[in-house]
């Protein structure tokens, strides 16, 4: 597969996923939407493992990796599906763009990786300031409900902790094996939560069903595997650009297809978060280039 085509696929899938999440929970509720998505995605993953003859090991280290990934998938997606009911889909993408910062924080604490440079610290401060602009004052939130923002931030924490946990375990497993293993943990949990707190199977519109199928096939299966495919073939800086491109596209898609609006102050907070991501990822490089230019 062409690397640029795979990269473009990741951007398009991640930019459209938040709106698809909102649409998938319109009639049946968010619990049914996420449960159907993950269940269908799991069946497709198992079928692909069999067709492609990919090993699906079940030794102790593999089970540990599946548990770490599965709890992350369960906690993150459950939180983001609930939160997406209360905030514009574009903002979901913006908030999820904070994951590189949180992964960096958790990796420093848990894996003893790189210390924070001034550029990274400045990026964290900018991102926090952006969140403050979105939250405060309350009357400027527009279509944004604070509980929705908090739920998506909780999802980002689950996702980031899970990513660092999986990296700590290691094991060199195939990306599709990890995906199937994670869903082996997450899908029974989704089914249990849906049965306990909902258990309904209402009639759903074509748009809601189409969104669930899109998320299952593209978001859960294709998007995950494209991400790991590209991750092995491009630099970390190039891959990090996805977290800057997709929020901008997602905001435009939500506005165009779902009539979503964000207040000027909240939009300023979005810009601050994106600038914080730039500083966190490339602040050190930009500072070195600036010093050379001034020398």
C-alpha atoms as a PDB file:
ATOM      1  CA  UNK A   1       0.000   0.000   0.000  1.00  0.00           C
ATOM      2  CA  UNK A   2       1.141   3.534  -0.769  1.00  0.00           C
ATOM      3  CA  UNK A   3       2.199   5.335   2.420  1.00  0.00           C
ATOM      4  CA  UNK A   4       0.693   8.704   1.299  1.00  0.00           C
ATOM      5  CA  UNK A   5      -2.608   6.943   0.523  1.00  0.00           C
ATOM      6  CA  UNK A   6      -2.601   5.268   3.950  1.00  0.00           C
ATOM      7  CA  UNK A   7      -1.767   8.600   5.618  1.00  0.00           C
ATOM      8  CA  UNK A   8      -4.631  10.313   3.786  1.00  0.00           C
ATOM      9  CA  UNK A   9      -6.924   7.468   4.825  1.00  0.00           C
ATOM     10  CA  UNK A  10      -6.079   8.026   8.509  1.00  0.00           C
ATOM     11  CA  UNK A  11      -6.774  11.757   8.228  1.00  0.00           C
ATOM     12  CA  UNK A  12     -10.143  11.254   6.516  1.00  0.00           C
ATOM     13  CA  UNK A  13     -11.264   8.482   8.879  1.00  0.00           C
ATOM     14  CA  UNK A  14     -10.264  10.364  12.028  1.00  0.00           C
ATOM     15  CA  UNK A  15     -11.832  13.597  10.778  1.00  0.00           C
ATOM     16  CA  UNK A  16     -15.200  11.952  10.042  1.00  0.00           C
ATOM     17  CA  UNK A  17     -15.330   9.620  13.065  1.00  0.00           C
ATOM     18  CA  UNK A  18     -16.667  12.217  15.613  1.00  0.00           C
ATOM     19  CA  UNK A  19     -19.680  13.119  13.458  1.00  0.00           C
ATOM     20  CA  UNK A  20     -20.349   9.436  12.743  1.00  0.00           C
ATOM     21  CA  UNK A  21     -20.315   8.823  16.521  1.00  0.00           C
ATOM     22  CA  UNK A  22     -23.013  11.489  17.006  1.00  0.00           C
ATOM     23  CA  UNK A  23     -25.153  10.085  14.186  1.00  0.00           C
ATOM     24  CA  UNK A  24     -24.769   6.465  15.347  1.00  0.00           C
ATOM     25  CA  UNK A  25     -26.458   7.232  18.680  1.00  0.00           C
ATOM     26  CA  UNK A  26     -29.383   9.252  17.342  1.00  0.00           C
ATOM     27  CA  UNK A  27     -32.206   6.695  17.707  1.00  0.00           C
ATOM     28  CA  UNK A  28     -30.835   3.721  19.604  1.00  0.00           C
ATOM     29  CA  UNK A  29     -28.775   5.641  22.141  1.00  0.00           C
ATOM     30  CA  UNK A  30     -25.031   5.849  22.552  1.00  0.00           C
ATOM     31  CA  UNK A  31     -24.709   2.483  24.345  1.00  0.00           C
ATOM     32  CA  UNK A  32     -26.297   0.564  21.476  1.00  0.00           C
ATOM     33  CA  UNK A  33     -24.239   2.546  18.957  1.00  0.00           C
ATOM     34  CA  UNK A  34     -20.877   1.771  20.544  1.00  0.00           C
ATOM     35  CA  UNK A  35     -21.812  -1.869  21.288  1.00  0.00           C
ATOM     36  CA  UNK A  36     -22.871  -2.583  17.691  1.00  0.00           C
ATOM     37  CA  UNK A  37     -19.814  -0.804  16.329  1.00  0.00           C
ATOM     38  CA  UNK A  38     -17.376  -2.793  18.428  1.00  0.00           C
ATOM     39  CA  UNK A  39     -19.207  -6.087  17.978  1.00  0.00           C
ATOM     40  CA  UNK A  40     -19.258  -5.821  14.176  1.00  0.00           C
ATOM     41  CA  UNK A  41     -15.662  -4.619  14.136  1.00  0.00           C
ATOM     42  CA  UNK A  42     -14.622  -7.591  16.273  1.00  0.00           C
ATOM     43  CA  UNK A  43     -16.202 -10.109  13.897  1.00  0.00           C
ATOM     44  CA  UNK A  44     -14.524  -8.448  10.907  1.00  0.00           C
ATOM     45  CA  UNK A  45     -11.160  -8.456  12.727  1.00  0.00           C
ATOM     46  CA  UNK A  46     -11.430 -12.181  13.478  1.00  0.00           C
ATOM     47  CA  UNK A  47     -12.356 -12.887   9.854  1.00  0.00           C
ATOM     48  CA  UNK A  48      -9.347 -10.901   8.605  1.00  0.00           C
ATOM     49  CA  UNK A  49      -7.018 -12.698  11.008  1.00  0.00           C
ATOM     50  CA  UNK A  50      -8.214 -16.018   9.584  1.00  0.00           C
ATOM     51  CA  UNK A  51      -8.078 -14.928   5.916  1.00  0.00           C
ATOM     52  CA  UNK A  52      -4.633 -13.333   6.232  1.00  0.00           C
ATOM     53  CA  UNK A  53      -3.311 -16.145   8.440  1.00  0.00           C
ATOM     54  CA  UNK A  54      -2.105 -13.734  11.116  1.00  0.00           C
ATOM     55  CA  UNK A  55      -1.124 -15.302  14.427  1.00  0.00           C
ATOM     56  CA  UNK A  56      -3.361 -14.539  17.402  1.00  0.00           C
ATOM     57  CA  UNK A  57      -1.171 -15.619  20.338  1.00  0.00           C
ATOM     58  CA  UNK A  58      -2.654 -16.125  23.783  1.00  0.00           C
ATOM     59  CA  UNK A  59       0.442 -16.400  25.951  1.00  0.00           C
ATOM     60  CA  UNK A  60       0.791 -14.395  29.152  1.00  0.00           C
ATOM     61  CA  UNK A  61       2.467 -11.307  27.626  1.00  0.00           C
ATOM     62  CA  UNK A  62      -0.061 -11.245  24.779  1.00  0.00           C
ATOM     63  CA  UNK A  63      -2.990 -11.468  27.224  1.00  0.00           C
ATOM     64  CA  UNK A  64      -1.465  -8.630  29.232  1.00  0.00           C
ATOM     65  CA  UNK A  65      -1.247  -6.489  26.066  1.00  0.00           C
ATOM     66  CA  UNK A  66      -4.840  -7.298  25.113  1.00  0.00           C
ATOM     67  CA  UNK A  67      -6.026  -6.357  28.606  1.00  0.00           C
ATOM     68  CA  UNK A  68      -4.178  -3.030  28.506  1.00  0.00           C
ATOM     69  CA  UNK A  69      -5.503  -2.200  25.044  1.00  0.00           C
ATOM     70  CA  UNK A  70      -9.003  -3.523  25.735  1.00  0.00           C
ATOM     71  CA  UNK A  71      -9.558  -1.547  28.922  1.00  0.00           C
ATOM     72  CA  UNK A  72      -8.373   1.553  27.046  1.00  0.00           C
ATOM     73  CA  UNK A  73     -10.813   0.915  24.183  1.00  0.00           C
ATOM     74  CA  UNK A  74     -13.678   0.279  26.592  1.00  0.00           C
ATOM     75  CA  UNK A  75     -13.079   3.285  28.834  1.00  0.00           C
ATOM     76  CA  UNK A  76     -12.181   5.715  26.061  1.00  0.00           C
ATOM     77  CA  UNK A  77     -14.986   4.863  23.639  1.00  0.00           C
ATOM     78  CA  UNK A  78     -17.656   4.624  26.338  1.00  0.00           C
ATOM     79  CA  UNK A  79     -16.668   8.101  27.590  1.00  0.00           C
ATOM     80  CA  UNK A  80     -16.386   9.686  24.154  1.00  0.00           C
ATOM     81  CA  UNK A  81     -19.734   8.281  22.975  1.00  0.00           C
ATOM     82  CA  UNK A  82     -21.455   9.671  26.071  1.00  0.00           C
ATOM     83  CA  UNK A  83     -19.685  13.026  25.807  1.00  0.00           C
ATOM     84  CA  UNK A  84     -20.369  13.387  22.070  1.00  0.00           C
ATOM     85  CA  UNK A  85     -24.070  13.812  22.865  1.00  0.00           C
ATOM     86  CA  UNK A  86     -23.349  17.187  24.466  1.00  0.00           C
ATOM     87  CA  UNK A  87     -20.652  18.869  22.351  1.00  0.00           C
ATOM     88  CA  UNK A  88     -20.045  19.526  18.630  1.00  0.00           C
ATOM     89  CA  UNK A  89     -18.313  16.677  16.817  1.00  0.00           C
ATOM     90  CA  UNK A  90     -15.437  18.940  15.737  1.00  0.00           C
ATOM     91  CA  UNK A  91     -14.620  19.703  19.363  1.00  0.00           C
ATOM     92  CA  UNK A  92     -14.414  15.956  20.084  1.00  0.00           C
ATOM     93  CA  UNK A  93     -11.609  15.768  17.519  1.00  0.00           C
ATOM     94  CA  UNK A  94      -9.859  18.817  18.982  1.00  0.00           C
ATOM     95  CA  UNK A  95      -9.920  17.398  22.507  1.00  0.00           C
ATOM     96  CA  UNK A  96      -8.691  14.008  21.321  1.00  0.00           C
ATOM     97  CA  UNK A  97      -5.811  15.873  19.714  1.00  0.00           C
ATOM     98  CA  UNK A  98      -4.515  16.382  23.257  1.00  0.00           C
ATOM     99  CA  UNK A  99      -3.549  12.698  23.419  1.00  0.00           C
ATOM    100  CA  UNK A 100       0.103  13.253  22.315  1.00  0.00           C
ATOM    101  CA  UNK A 101       0.572  15.623  25.268  1.00  0.00           C
ATOM    102  CA  UNK A 102      -0.948  13.219  27.783  1.00  0.00           C
ATOM    103  CA  UNK A 103       0.943  10.266  26.308  1.00  0.00           C
ATOM    104  CA  UNK A 104       4.138  12.303  26.718  1.00  0.00           C
ATOM    105  CA  UNK A 105       3.278  13.077  30.350  1.00  0.00           C
ATOM    106  CA  UNK A 106       2.423   9.463  31.178  1.00  0.00           C
ATOM    107  CA  UNK A 107       5.460   8.109  29.298  1.00  0.00           C
ATOM    108  CA  UNK A 108       7.748  10.410  31.281  1.00  0.00           C
ATOM    109  CA  UNK A 109       6.189   9.272  34.542  1.00  0.00           C
ATOM    110  CA  UNK A 110       5.743   5.561  33.750  1.00  0.00           C
ATOM    111  CA  UNK A 111       8.472   4.747  31.217  1.00  0.00           C
ATOM    112  CA  UNK A 112      11.119   7.255  32.282  1.00  0.00           C
ATOM    113  CA  UNK A 113      11.252   8.727  28.794  1.00  0.00           C
ATOM    114  CA  UNK A 114      12.386  12.204  27.744  1.00  0.00           C
ATOM    115  CA  UNK A 115      12.220  15.107  30.147  1.00  0.00           C
ATOM    116  CA  UNK A 116      10.056  18.099  29.370  1.00  0.00           C
ATOM    117  CA  UNK A 117      11.748  20.842  27.382  1.00  0.00           C
ATOM    118  CA  UNK A 118      10.660  24.508  27.604  1.00  0.00           C
ATOM    119  CA  UNK A 119       8.795  24.056  24.302  1.00  0.00           C
ATOM    120  CA  UNK A 120       6.843  21.094  25.652  1.00  0.00           C
ATOM    121  CA  UNK A 121       6.019  22.875  28.912  1.00  0.00           C
ATOM    122  CA  UNK A 122       4.850  25.935  26.989  1.00  0.00           C
ATOM    123  CA  UNK A 123       2.681  23.666  24.837  1.00  0.00           C
ATOM    124  CA  UNK A 124       1.043  22.159  27.930  1.00  0.00           C
ATOM    125  CA  UNK A 125       0.361  25.639  29.348  1.00  0.00           C
ATOM    126  CA  UNK A 126      -1.196  26.756  26.041  1.00  0.00           C
ATOM    127  CA  UNK A 127      -3.388  23.652  25.870  1.00  0.00           C
ATOM    128  CA  UNK A 128      -4.615  24.183  29.442  1.00  0.00           C
ATOM    129  CA  UNK A 129      -5.318  27.834  28.640  1.00  0.00           C
ATOM    130  CA  UNK A 130      -7.311  26.712  25.603  1.00  0.00           C
ATOM    131  CA  UNK A 131      -9.409  24.408  27.767  1.00  0.00           C
ATOM    132  CA  UNK A 132     -10.035  27.278  30.180  1.00  0.00           C
ATOM    133  CA  UNK A 133     -11.230  29.466  27.306  1.00  0.00           C
ATOM    134  CA  UNK A 134     -13.658  26.741  26.229  1.00  0.00           C
ATOM    135  CA  UNK A 135     -15.019  26.263  29.762  1.00  0.00           C
ATOM    136  CA  UNK A 136     -15.096  29.862  30.977  1.00  0.00           C
ATOM    137  CA  UNK A 137     -17.282  31.841  31.075  1.00  0.00           C
ATOM    138  CA  UNK A 138     -20.264  29.480  30.979  1.00  0.00           C
ATOM    139  CA  UNK A 139     -22.426  31.796  28.836  1.00  0.00           C
ATOM    140  CA  UNK A 140     -19.910  31.645  25.949  1.00  0.00           C
ATOM    141  CA  UNK A 141     -20.168  27.866  25.524  1.00  0.00           C
ATOM    142  CA  UNK A 142     -22.953  27.916  22.932  1.00  0.00           C
ATOM    143  CA  UNK A 143     -23.664  24.283  21.958  1.00  0.00           C
ATOM    144  CA  UNK A 144     -20.989  23.023  24.367  1.00  0.00           C
ATOM    145  CA  UNK A 145     -21.996  21.386  27.655  1.00  0.00           C
ATOM    146  CA  UNK A 146     -19.215  21.136  30.279  1.00  0.00           C
ATOM    147  CA  UNK A 147     -20.034  17.503  31.090  1.00  0.00           C
ATOM    148  CA  UNK A 148     -19.426  16.616  27.433  1.00  0.00           C
ATOM    149  CA  UNK A 149     -15.978  18.221  27.485  1.00  0.00           C
ATOM    150  CA  UNK A 150     -15.105  16.447  30.745  1.00  0.00           C
ATOM    151  CA  UNK A 151     -16.253  13.082  29.369  1.00  0.00           C
ATOM    152  CA  UNK A 152     -14.106  13.412  26.245  1.00  0.00           C
ATOM    153  CA  UNK A 153     -11.125  14.505  28.348  1.00  0.00           C
ATOM    154  CA  UNK A 154     -11.655  11.372  30.450  1.00  0.00           C
ATOM    155  CA  UNK A 155     -11.652   9.379  27.202  1.00  0.00           C
ATOM    156  CA  UNK A 156      -8.323  10.946  26.236  1.00  0.00           C
ATOM    157  CA  UNK A 157      -6.878   9.950  29.625  1.00  0.00           C
ATOM    158  CA  UNK A 158      -8.049   6.338  29.164  1.00  0.00           C
ATOM    159  CA  UNK A 159      -6.625   6.244  25.629  1.00  0.00           C
ATOM    160  CA  UNK A 160      -3.273   7.748  26.625  1.00  0.00           C
ATOM    161  CA  UNK A 161      -2.793   5.525  29.677  1.00  0.00           C
ATOM    162  CA  UNK A 162      -3.647   2.467  27.600  1.00  0.00           C
ATOM    163  CA  UNK A 163      -1.155   3.430  24.867  1.00  0.00           C
ATOM    164  CA  UNK A 164       1.674   3.836  27.383  1.00  0.00           C
ATOM    165  CA  UNK A 165       0.691   0.608  29.159  1.00  0.00           C
ATOM    166  CA  UNK A 166       0.784  -1.366  25.885  1.00  0.00           C
ATOM    167  CA  UNK A 167       4.154   0.176  25.041  1.00  0.00           C
ATOM    168  CA  UNK A 168       5.491  -0.736  28.490  1.00  0.00           C
ATOM    169  CA  UNK A 169       4.474  -4.373  28.004  1.00  0.00           C
ATOM    170  CA  UNK A 170       5.999  -4.621  24.514  1.00  0.00           C
ATOM    171  CA  UNK A 171       5.898  -8.039  22.864  1.00  0.00           C
ATOM    172  CA  UNK A 172       6.127  -7.171  19.166  1.00  0.00           C
ATOM    173  CA  UNK A 173       2.589  -8.356  18.385  1.00  0.00           C
ATOM    174  CA  UNK A 174       0.945  -7.697  15.023  1.00  0.00           C
ATOM    175  CA  UNK A 175      -1.305  -4.615  15.095  1.00  0.00           C
ATOM    176  CA  UNK A 176      -4.357  -6.620  14.024  1.00  0.00           C
ATOM    177  CA  UNK A 177      -3.701  -9.168  16.769  1.00  0.00           C
ATOM    178  CA  UNK A 178      -3.643  -6.368  19.346  1.00  0.00           C
ATOM    179  CA  UNK A 179      -6.833  -4.929  17.850  1.00  0.00           C
ATOM    180  CA  UNK A 180      -8.643  -8.291  18.034  1.00  0.00           C
ATOM    181  CA  UNK A 181      -7.285  -8.973  21.500  1.00  0.00           C
ATOM    182  CA  UNK A 182      -8.434  -5.558  22.722  1.00  0.00           C
ATOM    183  CA  UNK A 183     -11.912  -6.139  21.288  1.00  0.00           C
ATOM    184  CA  UNK A 184     -11.995  -9.587  22.928  1.00  0.00           C
ATOM    185  CA  UNK A 185     -11.827  -7.713  26.246  1.00  0.00           C
ATOM    186  CA  UNK A 186     -13.954  -4.687  25.339  1.00  0.00           C
ATOM    187  CA  UNK A 187     -16.902  -6.238  23.472  1.00  0.00           C
ATOM    188  CA  UNK A 188     -18.173  -8.403  26.406  1.00  0.00           C
ATOM    189  CA  UNK A 189     -17.928  -5.332  28.660  1.00  0.00           C
ATOM    190  CA  UNK A 190     -19.952  -3.242  26.189  1.00  0.00           C
ATOM    191  CA  UNK A 191     -22.585  -5.979  25.925  1.00  0.00           C
ATOM    192  CA  UNK A 192     -22.853  -6.196  29.711  1.00  0.00           C
ATOM    193  CA  UNK A 193     -23.205  -2.420  30.158  1.00  0.00           C
ATOM    194  CA  UNK A 194     -25.793  -2.201  27.351  1.00  0.00           C
ATOM    195  CA  UNK A 195     -27.855  -5.063  28.807  1.00  0.00           C
ATOM    196  CA  UNK A 196     -27.784  -3.620  32.327  1.00  0.00           C
ATOM    197  CA  UNK A 197     -28.445   0.043  31.512  1.00  0.00           C
ATOM    198  CA  UNK A 198     -30.454  -0.123  28.277  1.00  0.00           C
ATOM    199  CA  UNK A 199     -31.182  -3.459  26.597  1.00  0.00           C
ATOM    200  CA  UNK A 200     -33.457  -1.920  23.950  1.00  0.00           C
ATOM    201  CA  UNK A 201     -33.200  -2.675  20.220  1.00  0.00           C
ATOM    202  CA  UNK A 202     -35.259   0.128  18.635  1.00  0.00           C
ATOM    203  CA  UNK A 203     -35.768   0.803  14.950  1.00  0.00           C
ATOM    204  CA  UNK A 204     -32.947   2.939  13.574  1.00  0.00           C
ATOM    205  CA  UNK A 205     -32.715   5.281  10.615  1.00  0.00           C
ATOM    206  CA  UNK A 206     -30.567   4.510   7.598  1.00  0.00           C
ATOM    207  CA  UNK A 207     -28.214   7.307   8.662  1.00  0.00           C
ATOM    208  CA  UNK A 208     -27.678   5.846  12.137  1.00  0.00           C
ATOM    209  CA  UNK A 209     -27.149   2.317  10.798  1.00  0.00           C
ATOM    210  CA  UNK A 210     -24.812   3.604   8.097  1.00  0.00           C
ATOM    211  CA  UNK A 211     -22.800   5.501  10.727  1.00  0.00           C
ATOM    212  CA  UNK A 212     -22.467   2.343  12.866  1.00  0.00           C
ATOM    213  CA  UNK A 213     -21.293   0.273   9.894  1.00  0.00           C
ATOM    214  CA  UNK A 214     -18.876   3.011   8.843  1.00  0.00           C
ATOM    215  CA  UNK A 215     -17.400   3.188  12.342  1.00  0.00           C
ATOM    216  CA  UNK A 216     -17.156  -0.607  12.607  1.00  0.00           C
ATOM    217  CA  UNK A 217     -15.455  -1.163   9.251  1.00  0.00           C
ATOM    218  CA  UNK A 218     -13.437   2.023   8.867  1.00  0.00           C
ATOM    219  CA  UNK A 219     -13.010   3.444  12.365  1.00  0.00           C
ATOM    220  CA  UNK A 220     -12.457   0.193  14.271  1.00  0.00           C
ATOM    221  CA  UNK A 221     -10.776  -2.035  11.656  1.00  0.00           C
ATOM    222  CA  UNK A 222      -9.237  -0.046   8.801  1.00  0.00           C
ATOM    223  CA  UNK A 223      -8.291   3.111  10.706  1.00  0.00           C
ATOM    224  CA  UNK A 224      -6.439   1.262  13.456  1.00  0.00           C
ATOM    225  CA  UNK A 225      -4.445  -0.869  11.036  1.00  0.00           C
ATOM    226  CA  UNK A 226      -3.632   2.055   8.725  1.00  0.00           C
ATOM    227  CA  UNK A 227      -2.311   3.936  11.761  1.00  0.00           C
ATOM    228  CA  UNK A 228       0.107   1.141  12.686  1.00  0.00           C
ATOM    229  CA  UNK A 229       1.092   0.681   9.038  1.00  0.00           C
ATOM    230  CA  UNK A 230       2.009   4.367   8.681  1.00  0.00           C
ATOM    231  CA  UNK A 231       3.589   4.546  12.152  1.00  0.00           C
ATOM    232  CA  UNK A 232       6.268   2.061  11.076  1.00  0.00           C
ATOM    233  CA  UNK A 233       7.090   4.003   7.898  1.00  0.00           C
ATOM    234  CA  UNK A 234       7.067   7.741   8.710  1.00  0.00           C
ATOM    235  CA  UNK A 235       8.692   9.900  11.359  1.00  0.00           C
ATOM    236  CA  UNK A 236       6.936  10.644  14.643  1.00  0.00           C
ATOM    237  CA  UNK A 237       6.742  14.324  13.632  1.00  0.00           C
ATOM    238  CA  UNK A 238       4.963  13.479  10.376  1.00  0.00           C
ATOM    239  CA  UNK A 239       2.525  11.195  12.182  1.00  0.00           C
ATOM    240  CA  UNK A 240       1.839  13.880  14.792  1.00  0.00           C
ATOM    241  CA  UNK A 241       0.559  16.179  12.042  1.00  0.00           C
ATOM    242  CA  UNK A 242      -2.572  14.016  11.952  1.00  0.00           C
ATOM    243  CA  UNK A 243      -3.614  15.409  15.346  1.00  0.00           C
ATOM    244  CA  UNK A 244      -3.403  18.936  13.918  1.00  0.00           C
ATOM    245  CA  UNK A 245      -5.058  18.318  10.548  1.00  0.00           C
ATOM    246  CA  UNK A 246      -8.021  16.208  11.671  1.00  0.00           C
ATOM    247  CA  UNK A 247      -9.519  18.683  14.217  1.00  0.00           C
ATOM    248  CA  UNK A 248      -9.651  21.444  11.591  1.00  0.00           C
ATOM    249  CA  UNK A 249     -11.314  19.105   9.077  1.00  0.00           C
ATOM    250  CA  UNK A 250     -13.688  17.743  11.730  1.00  0.00           C
ATOM    251  CA  UNK A 251     -14.815  21.251  12.690  1.00  0.00           C
ATOM    252  CA  UNK A 252     -15.570  22.021   9.036  1.00  0.00           C
ATOM    253  CA  UNK A 253     -17.369  18.705   8.465  1.00  0.00           C
ATOM    254  CA  UNK A 254     -19.507  19.173  11.598  1.00  0.00           C
ATOM    255  CA  UNK A 255     -20.460  22.683  10.537  1.00  0.00           C
ATOM    256  CA  UNK A 256     -21.230  21.679   6.932  1.00  0.00           C
ATOM    257  CA  UNK A 257     -23.099  18.406   7.508  1.00  0.00           C
ATOM    258  CA  UNK A 258     -24.582  18.866  10.987  1.00  0.00           C
ATOM    259  CA  UNK A 259     -25.033  22.633  11.377  1.00  0.00           C
ATOM    260  CA  UNK A 260     -22.712  22.777  14.406  1.00  0.00           C
ATOM    261  CA  UNK A 261     -21.476  26.121  15.697  1.00  0.00           C
ATOM    262  CA  UNK A 262     -18.869  27.152  18.255  1.00  0.00           C
ATOM    263  CA  UNK A 263     -18.772  30.523  20.017  1.00  0.00           C
ATOM    264  CA  UNK A 264     -15.884  32.903  19.193  1.00  0.00           C
ATOM    265  CA  UNK A 265     -14.321  32.465  22.646  1.00  0.00           C
ATOM    266  CA  UNK A 266     -14.542  28.662  22.435  1.00  0.00           C
ATOM    267  CA  UNK A 267     -13.022  28.854  18.954  1.00  0.00           C
ATOM    268  CA  UNK A 268     -10.151  30.887  20.416  1.00  0.00           C
ATOM    269  CA  UNK A 269      -9.685  28.059  22.923  1.00  0.00           C
ATOM    270  CA  UNK A 270      -9.518  25.572  20.033  1.00  0.00           C
ATOM    271  CA  UNK A 271      -6.778  27.675  18.382  1.00  0.00           C
ATOM    272  CA  UNK A 272      -4.844  27.794  21.689  1.00  0.00           C
ATOM    273  CA  UNK A 273      -5.040  23.986  22.010  1.00  0.00           C
ATOM    274  CA  UNK A 274      -3.784  23.496  18.443  1.00  0.00           C
ATOM    275  CA  UNK A 275      -0.915  25.967  19.021  1.00  0.00           C
ATOM    276  CA  UNK A 276      -0.119  24.103  22.242  1.00  0.00           C
ATOM    277  CA  UNK A 277       0.138  20.871  20.243  1.00  0.00           C
ATOM    278  CA  UNK A 278       2.490  22.564  17.778  1.00  0.00           C
ATOM    279  CA  UNK A 279       4.681  23.806  20.620  1.00  0.00           C
ATOM    280  CA  UNK A 280       4.640  20.419  22.353  1.00  0.00           C
ATOM    281  CA  UNK A 281       5.637  18.524  19.212  1.00  0.00           C
ATOM    282  CA  UNK A 282       8.018  20.975  17.522  1.00  0.00           C
ATOM    283  CA  UNK A 283       8.705  23.764  20.039  1.00  0.00           C
ATOM    284  CA  UNK A 284      12.327  22.702  20.588  1.00  0.00           C
ATOM    285  CA  UNK A 285      13.055  22.546  16.854  1.00  0.00           C
ATOM    286  CA  UNK A 286      11.453  25.933  16.228  1.00  0.00           C
ATOM    287  CA  UNK A 287      13.426  27.519  19.085  1.00  0.00           C
ATOM    288  CA  UNK A 288      16.734  26.134  17.747  1.00  0.00           C
ATOM    289  CA  UNK A 289      15.976  27.430  14.263  1.00  0.00           C
ATOM    290  CA  UNK A 290      15.031  30.848  15.675  1.00  0.00           C
ATOM    291  CA  UNK A 291      18.317  31.051  17.622  1.00  0.00           C
ATOM    292  CA  UNK A 292      20.306  30.138  14.519  1.00  0.00           C
ATOM    293  CA  UNK A 293      18.471  32.804  12.506  1.00  0.00           C
ATOM    294  CA  UNK A 294      19.207  35.444  15.175  1.00  0.00           C
ATOM    295  CA  UNK A 295      22.850  34.425  15.634  1.00  0.00           C
END
